[in-house]
Amino acid sequence: EGMMSDLQAQFSAAAEAAKNLAKRPDNETMLQLYALFKQATNGDVAGSRPGGFDFVGQAKYDAWAKLKGTAKDSAMQQYVDLVKRLKG
């Protein structure tokens, strides 16, 4: 089965767990989760940065853009580790 499928399984479990955290993480952490998830599933940031008063959209875009060049499996691992920490 190789390591990739194992990481994939952990990532899926972490994504599920992230939806059911006892305590909602702060915005900074939520952005980190979002960005790592996008990087892990889609790779580098795509599309143009939202303009105007879409501050949430801009923050999400910027968080994702910071991870540019991060390998998908590396982003997956970071996501899994972050969710583990949040679960405590």
C-alpha atoms as a PDB file:
ATOM      1  CA  GLU A   1       0.000   0.000   0.000  1.00  0.00           C
ATOM      2  CA  GLY A   2       2.927   2.385   0.445  1.00  0.00           C
ATOM      3  CA  MET A   3       3.117   5.423   2.701  1.00  0.00           C
ATOM      4  CA  MET A   4       1.101   7.740   0.514  1.00  0.00           C
ATOM      5  CA  SER A   5      -2.186   5.909   1.042  1.00  0.00           C
ATOM      6  CA  ASP A   6      -1.500   5.837   4.794  1.00  0.00           C
ATOM      7  CA  LEU A   7      -0.965   9.597   4.825  1.00  0.00           C
ATOM      8  CA  GLN A   8      -4.056  10.017   2.657  1.00  0.00           C
ATOM      9  CA  ALA A   9      -6.076   8.055   5.220  1.00  0.00           C
ATOM     10  CA  GLN A  10      -4.701  10.115   8.112  1.00  0.00           C
ATOM     11  CA  PHE A  11      -5.460  13.287   6.176  1.00  0.00           C
ATOM     12  CA  SER A  12      -9.071  12.245   5.548  1.00  0.00           C
ATOM     13  CA  ALA A  13      -9.496  11.360   9.220  1.00  0.00           C
ATOM     14  CA  ALA A  14      -7.968  14.691  10.261  1.00  0.00           C
ATOM     15  CA  ALA A  15     -10.272  16.620   7.914  1.00  0.00           C
ATOM     16  CA  GLU A  16     -13.222  14.847   9.525  1.00  0.00           C
ATOM     17  CA  ALA A  17     -11.901  15.492  13.043  1.00  0.00           C
ATOM     18  CA  ALA A  18     -11.345  19.178  12.227  1.00  0.00           C
ATOM     19  CA  LYS A  19     -15.104  19.559  11.667  1.00  0.00           C
ATOM     20  CA  ASN A  20     -15.852  18.093  15.088  1.00  0.00           C
ATOM     21  CA  LEU A  21     -13.377  19.827  17.369  1.00  0.00           C
ATOM     22  CA  ALA A  22     -14.738  20.436  20.860  1.00  0.00           C
ATOM     23  CA  LYS A  23     -13.480  24.004  20.743  1.00  0.00           C
ATOM     24  CA  ARG A  24     -13.401  26.116  17.595  1.00  0.00           C
ATOM     25  CA  PRO A  25      -9.830  27.216  16.896  1.00  0.00           C
ATOM     26  CA  ASP A  26      -8.979  30.914  16.639  1.00  0.00           C
ATOM     27  CA  ASN A  27      -9.091  32.596  13.239  1.00  0.00           C
ATOM     28  CA  GLU A  28      -5.342  32.311  12.694  1.00  0.00           C
ATOM     29  CA  THR A  29      -5.535  28.538  13.194  1.00  0.00           C
ATOM     30  CA  MET A  30      -8.662  28.242  11.052  1.00  0.00           C
ATOM     31  CA  LEU A  31      -6.808  30.014   8.236  1.00  0.00           C
ATOM     32  CA  GLN A  32      -3.856  27.673   8.680  1.00  0.00           C
ATOM     33  CA  LEU A  33      -6.163  24.652   8.459  1.00  0.00           C
ATOM     34  CA  TYR A  34      -7.853  26.079   5.376  1.00  0.00           C
ATOM     35  CA  ALA A  35      -4.563  26.867   3.641  1.00  0.00           C
ATOM     36  CA  LEU A  36      -2.969  23.502   4.401  1.00  0.00           C
ATOM     37  CA  PHE A  37      -6.110  21.709   3.247  1.00  0.00           C
ATOM     38  CA  LYS A  38      -6.173  23.636  -0.045  1.00  0.00           C
ATOM     39  CA  GLN A  39      -2.446  23.092  -0.602  1.00  0.00           C
ATOM     40  CA  ALA A  40      -2.774  19.382   0.173  1.00  0.00           C
ATOM     41  CA  THR A  41      -5.738  18.886  -2.153  1.00  0.00           C
ATOM     42  CA  ASN A  42      -5.183  21.468  -4.921  1.00  0.00           C
ATOM     43  CA  GLY A  43      -1.487  22.317  -4.801  1.00  0.00           C
ATOM     44  CA  ASP A  44      -0.328  25.911  -5.273  1.00  0.00           C
ATOM     45  CA  VAL A  45      -2.706  28.833  -4.978  1.00  0.00           C
ATOM     46  CA  ALA A  46      -4.871  29.446  -8.044  1.00  0.00           C
ATOM     47  CA  GLY A  47      -7.163  32.206  -9.215  1.00  0.00           C
ATOM     48  CA  SER A  48      -6.840  35.868  -8.435  1.00  0.00           C
ATOM     49  CA  ARG A  49      -6.969  37.448  -5.002  1.00  0.00           C
ATOM     50  CA  PRO A  50     -10.478  38.610  -4.043  1.00  0.00           C
ATOM     51  CA  GLY A  51     -10.799  42.374  -4.061  1.00  0.00           C
ATOM     52  CA  GLY A  52     -12.956  44.982  -2.393  1.00  0.00           C
ATOM     53  CA  PHE A  53     -14.363  44.217   1.022  1.00  0.00           C
ATOM     54  CA  ASP A  54     -14.013  40.451   0.884  1.00  0.00           C
ATOM     55  CA  PHE A  55     -11.631  40.424   3.846  1.00  0.00           C
ATOM     56  CA  VAL A  56     -12.273  36.772   4.659  1.00  0.00           C
ATOM     57  CA  GLY A  57     -11.624  35.778   1.063  1.00  0.00           C
ATOM     58  CA  GLN A  58      -8.424  37.837   1.005  1.00  0.00           C
ATOM     59  CA  ALA A  59      -7.177  36.332   4.276  1.00  0.00           C
ATOM     60  CA  LYS A  60      -7.878  32.820   3.003  1.00  0.00           C
ATOM     61  CA  TYR A  61      -6.169  33.551  -0.307  1.00  0.00           C
ATOM     62  CA  ASP A  62      -3.112  35.048   1.408  1.00  0.00           C
ATOM     63  CA  ALA A  63      -2.798  32.137   3.840  1.00  0.00           C
ATOM     64  CA  TRP A  64      -2.893  29.702   0.924  1.00  0.00           C
ATOM     65  CA  ALA A  65      -0.474  31.810  -1.134  1.00  0.00           C
ATOM     66  CA  LYS A  66       2.101  31.654   1.708  1.00  0.00           C
ATOM     67  CA  LEU A  67       2.329  27.880   1.185  1.00  0.00           C
ATOM     68  CA  LYS A  68       3.233  28.166  -2.497  1.00  0.00           C
ATOM     69  CA  GLY A  69       5.758  25.500  -3.439  1.00  0.00           C
ATOM     70  CA  THR A  70       4.866  23.216  -0.523  1.00  0.00           C
ATOM     71  CA  ALA A  71       4.509  19.624  -1.714  1.00  0.00           C
ATOM     72  CA  LYS A  72       1.018  18.158  -1.329  1.00  0.00           C
ATOM     73  CA  ASP A  73       2.167  15.359   0.954  1.00  0.00           C
ATOM     74  CA  SER A  74       4.086  17.834   3.099  1.00  0.00           C
ATOM     75  CA  ALA A  75       0.968  19.996   3.435  1.00  0.00           C
ATOM     76  CA  MET A  76      -1.043  16.881   4.296  1.00  0.00           C
ATOM     77  CA  GLN A  77       1.405  15.939   7.038  1.00  0.00           C
ATOM     78  CA  GLN A  78       1.345  19.472   8.494  1.00  0.00           C
ATOM     79  CA  TYR A  79      -2.460  19.436   8.427  1.00  0.00           C
ATOM     80  CA  VAL A  80      -2.579  16.090  10.237  1.00  0.00           C
ATOM     81  CA  ASP A  81      -0.116  17.328  12.875  1.00  0.00           C
ATOM     82  CA  LEU A  82      -2.049  20.554  13.405  1.00  0.00           C
ATOM     83  CA  VAL A  83      -5.366  18.757  13.873  1.00  0.00           C
ATOM     84  CA  LYS A  84      -3.702  16.332  16.311  1.00  0.00           C
ATOM     85  CA  ARG A  85      -2.527  19.298  18.371  1.00  0.00           C
ATOM     86  CA  LEU A  86      -5.987  20.876  18.308  1.00  0.00           C
ATOM     87  CA  LYS A  87      -7.623  17.679  19.437  1.00  0.00           C
ATOM     88  CA  GLY A  88      -5.246  17.765  22.388  1.00  0.00           C
END
